[in-house]
C-alpha atoms as a PDB file:
ATOM      1  CA  MET A   1      47.644 -46.207  -0.362  1.00  0.00           C
ATOM      2  CA  LEU A   2      48.827 -42.598  -0.420  1.00  0.00           C
ATOM      3  CA  PRO A   3      47.620 -40.228  -3.125  1.00  0.00           C
ATOM      4  CA  PRO A   4      50.219 -39.120  -5.699  1.00  0.00           C
ATOM      5  CA  LYS A   5      52.424 -36.312  -4.460  1.00  0.00           C
ATOM      6  CA  THR A   6      51.484 -32.895  -5.766  1.00  0.00           C
ATOM      7  CA  ASN A   7      54.336 -31.200  -7.632  1.00  0.00           C
ATOM      8  CA  PRO A   8      56.997 -33.850  -6.873  1.00  0.00           C
ATOM      9  CA  LYS A   9      59.635 -31.921  -8.875  1.00  0.00           C
ATOM     10  CA  LYS A  10      59.040 -28.833  -6.696  1.00  0.00           C
ATOM     11  CA  LEU A  11      58.495 -26.505  -9.643  1.00  0.00           C
ATOM     12  CA  ASN A  12      57.902 -22.884  -8.709  1.00  0.00           C
ATOM     13  CA  PRO A  13      54.697 -21.131  -9.861  1.00  0.00           C
ATOM     14  CA  LEU A  14      56.322 -19.646 -12.993  1.00  0.00           C
ATOM     15  CA  GLN A  15      57.720 -23.041 -13.994  1.00  0.00           C
ATOM     16  CA  LEU A  16      54.326 -24.700 -13.401  1.00  0.00           C
ATOM     17  CA  LYS A  17      52.498 -22.111 -15.524  1.00  0.00           C
ATOM     18  CA  THR A  18      55.069 -22.361 -18.292  1.00  0.00           C
ATOM     19  CA  LEU A  19      54.975 -26.156 -18.361  1.00  0.00           C
ATOM     20  CA  CYS A  20      51.167 -26.058 -18.485  1.00  0.00           C
ATOM     21  CA  LEU A  21      51.282 -23.762 -21.531  1.00  0.00           C
ATOM     22  CA  LEU A  22      53.947 -25.909 -23.204  1.00  0.00           C
ATOM     23  CA  GLN A  23      51.797 -28.996 -22.641  1.00  0.00           C
ATOM     24  CA  GLU A  24      48.842 -27.254 -24.260  1.00  0.00           C
ATOM     25  CA  LEU A  25      50.991 -26.189 -27.228  1.00  0.00           C
ATOM     26  CA  ALA A  26      52.094 -29.822 -27.578  1.00  0.00           C
ATOM     27  CA  ARG A  27      48.456 -30.930 -27.873  1.00  0.00           C
ATOM     28  CA  HIS A  28      47.978 -28.997 -31.128  1.00  0.00           C
ATOM     29  CA  PRO A  29      49.584 -30.427 -34.277  1.00  0.00           C
ATOM     30  CA  ASP A  30      50.110 -26.975 -35.776  1.00  0.00           C
ATOM     31  CA  THR A  31      52.301 -25.776 -32.870  1.00  0.00           C
ATOM     32  CA  HIS A  32      54.902 -28.530 -32.697  1.00  0.00           C
ATOM     33  CA  GLN A  33      56.997 -30.927 -34.722  1.00  0.00           C
ATOM     34  CA  VAL A  34      57.870 -34.478 -33.719  1.00  0.00           C
ATOM     35  CA  GLU A  35      61.581 -35.016 -33.201  1.00  0.00           C
ATOM     36  CA  PRO A  36      62.817 -37.980 -35.271  1.00  0.00           C
ATOM     37  CA  GLY A  37      64.164 -40.826 -33.190  1.00  0.00           C
ATOM     38  CA  THR A  38      62.812 -39.642 -29.845  1.00  0.00           C
ATOM     39  CA  GLY A  39      59.183 -38.827 -30.646  1.00  0.00           C
ATOM     40  CA  ARG A  40      59.445 -35.723 -28.471  1.00  0.00           C
ATOM     41  CA  LYS A  41      57.258 -32.800 -29.396  1.00  0.00           C
ATOM     42  CA  VAL A  42      59.448 -29.834 -30.297  1.00  0.00           C
ATOM     43  CA  LEU A  43      57.900 -26.427 -29.789  1.00  0.00           C
ATOM     44  CA  SER A  44      59.351 -23.504 -31.695  1.00  0.00           C
ATOM     45  CA  ALA A  45      56.392 -21.218 -32.400  1.00  0.00           C
ATOM     46  CA  PHE A  46      55.190 -19.424 -29.312  1.00  0.00           C
ATOM     47  CA  PRO A  47      52.069 -17.259 -29.246  1.00  0.00           C
ATOM     48  CA  ASN A  48      52.356 -13.495 -29.351  1.00  0.00           C
ATOM     49  CA  PRO A  49      50.125 -11.590 -26.961  1.00  0.00           C
ATOM     50  CA  HIS A  50      47.783  -8.901 -28.201  1.00  0.00           C
ATOM     51  CA  GLY A  51      47.021  -6.552 -25.375  1.00  0.00           C
ATOM     52  CA  ASN A  52      46.942  -8.439 -22.099  1.00  0.00           C
ATOM     53  CA  HIS A  53      46.200 -11.896 -23.518  1.00  0.00           C
ATOM     54  CA  PHE A  54      46.741 -14.365 -26.325  1.00  0.00           C
ATOM     55  CA  HIS A  55      44.841 -17.287 -27.783  1.00  0.00           C
ATOM     56  CA  LEU A  56      45.983 -20.860 -27.386  1.00  0.00           C
ATOM     57  CA  GLY A  57      43.657 -23.249 -29.169  1.00  0.00           C
ATOM     58  CA  ALA A  58      40.209 -22.760 -27.658  1.00  0.00           C
ATOM     59  CA  TYR A  59      41.638 -20.918 -24.657  1.00  0.00           C
ATOM     60  CA  VAL A  60      42.527 -17.376 -23.733  1.00  0.00           C
ATOM     61  CA  VAL A  61      45.631 -16.923 -21.585  1.00  0.00           C
ATOM     62  CA  GLY A  62      46.634 -13.789 -19.706  1.00  0.00           C
ATOM     63  CA  SER A  63      50.019 -12.462 -20.802  1.00  0.00           C
ATOM     64  CA  ALA A  64      51.095 -12.290 -17.154  1.00  0.00           C
ATOM     65  CA  ASP A  65      50.758 -16.090 -16.944  1.00  0.00           C
ATOM     66  CA  ALA A  66      53.045 -16.647 -19.920  1.00  0.00           C
ATOM     67  CA  THR A  67      56.224 -14.756 -19.027  1.00  0.00           C
ATOM     68  CA  GLY A  68      58.150 -18.039 -18.760  1.00  0.00           C
ATOM     69  CA  LEU A  69      57.615 -18.979 -22.416  1.00  0.00           C
ATOM     70  CA  ARG A  70      60.589 -16.852 -23.443  1.00  0.00           C
ATOM     71  CA  ASN A  71      62.559 -17.047 -20.184  1.00  0.00           C
ATOM     72  CA  GLU A  72      65.839 -18.952 -20.430  1.00  0.00           C
ATOM     73  CA  ALA A  73      66.024 -19.629 -16.680  1.00  0.00           C
ATOM     74  CA  VAL A  74      62.639 -21.381 -16.798  1.00  0.00           C
ATOM     75  CA  TRP A  75      63.690 -23.489 -19.778  1.00  0.00           C
ATOM     76  CA  VAL A  76      66.939 -24.465 -18.007  1.00  0.00           C
ATOM     77  CA  ALA A  77      65.024 -25.425 -14.849  1.00  0.00           C
ATOM     78  CA  LEU A  78      62.583 -27.584 -16.809  1.00  0.00           C
ATOM     79  CA  GLU A  79      65.511 -29.290 -18.516  1.00  0.00           C
ATOM     80  CA  ARG A  80      67.397 -29.807 -15.241  1.00  0.00           C
ATOM     81  CA  LYS A  81      64.293 -31.494 -13.788  1.00  0.00           C
ATOM     82  CA  GLY A  82      63.990 -33.832 -16.796  1.00  0.00           C
ATOM     83  CA  LEU A  83      60.784 -32.311 -18.163  1.00  0.00           C
ATOM     84  CA  ALA A  84      62.175 -30.703 -21.331  1.00  0.00           C
ATOM     85  CA  VAL A  85      65.203 -30.356 -23.560  1.00  0.00           C
ATOM     86  CA  SER A  86      66.082 -26.718 -24.127  1.00  0.00           C
ATOM     87  CA  HIS A  87      67.436 -25.246 -27.343  1.00  0.00           C
ATOM     88  CA  PHE A  88      66.931 -21.682 -26.101  1.00  0.00           C
ATOM     89  CA  PRO A  89      65.793 -19.420 -27.686  1.00  0.00           C
ATOM     90  CA  ALA A  90      64.830 -21.364 -30.809  1.00  0.00           C
ATOM     91  CA  ALA A  91      62.972 -24.404 -29.501  1.00  0.00           C
ATOM     92  CA  LEU A  92      62.100 -26.598 -26.555  1.00  0.00           C
ATOM     93  CA  ALA A  93      61.265 -30.301 -26.641  1.00  0.00           C
ATOM     94  CA  LEU A  94      59.003 -31.769 -23.978  1.00  0.00           C
ATOM     95  CA  THR A  95      60.055 -35.108 -22.572  1.00  0.00           C
ATOM     96  CA  GLU A  96      57.451 -37.807 -22.014  1.00  0.00           C
ATOM     97  CA  GLU A  97      57.534 -36.946 -18.306  1.00  0.00           C
ATOM     98  CA  GLY A  98      57.117 -33.267 -19.134  1.00  0.00           C
ATOM     99  CA  GLU A  99      54.019 -33.958 -21.207  1.00  0.00           C
ATOM    100  CA  ALA A 100      52.478 -36.052 -18.438  1.00  0.00           C
ATOM    101  CA  TYR A 101      53.413 -33.890 -15.424  1.00  0.00           C
ATOM    102  CA  ASP A 102      50.367 -32.641 -13.508  1.00  0.00           C
ATOM    103  CA  THR A 103      50.938 -28.917 -13.074  1.00  0.00           C
ATOM    104  CA  GLY A 104      47.568 -28.215 -11.468  1.00  0.00           C
ATOM    105  CA  MET A 105      47.429 -25.024 -13.538  1.00  0.00           C
ATOM    106  CA  ARG A 106      45.058 -25.826 -16.431  1.00  0.00           C
ATOM    107  CA  GLN A 107      41.915 -24.473 -14.814  1.00  0.00           C
ATOM    108  CA  LYS A 108      43.784 -21.527 -13.312  1.00  0.00           C
ATOM    109  CA  ILE A 109      45.384 -20.109 -16.448  1.00  0.00           C
ATOM    110  CA  LEU A 110      43.547 -21.596 -19.453  1.00  0.00           C
ATOM    111  CA  HIS A 111      40.259 -19.711 -19.784  1.00  0.00           C
ATOM    112  CA  GLY A 112      37.478 -20.628 -22.211  1.00  0.00           C
ATOM    113  CA  SER A 113      37.429 -18.334 -25.221  1.00  0.00           C
ATOM    114  CA  ASP A 114      34.411 -16.128 -25.828  1.00  0.00           C
ATOM    115  CA  HIS A 115      35.638 -14.847 -29.211  1.00  0.00           C
END
């Protein structure tokens, strides 16, 4: 049996990083609302960097890894690939597939917080 294909949707690095951050935001009840009828997690409050980083739950994320959070082209690409529903710039809802997609980015961009 073959192992699962890495990045089957062929997301580019910015899209992968952005989806990883959106998935992490969806894990925290204070950063999303559940969409009635679909159960999708709707994200509308995005972190604001201070200096070169921001805090996301127990993690620290470099601002350079988060440029896609407010990038309409990234949101459109994630929607086109069935991973999200865009309501740019107000909100983005992750689909079930979007929540489950393995970006391979967690350990690369989510760093343990020391403060």
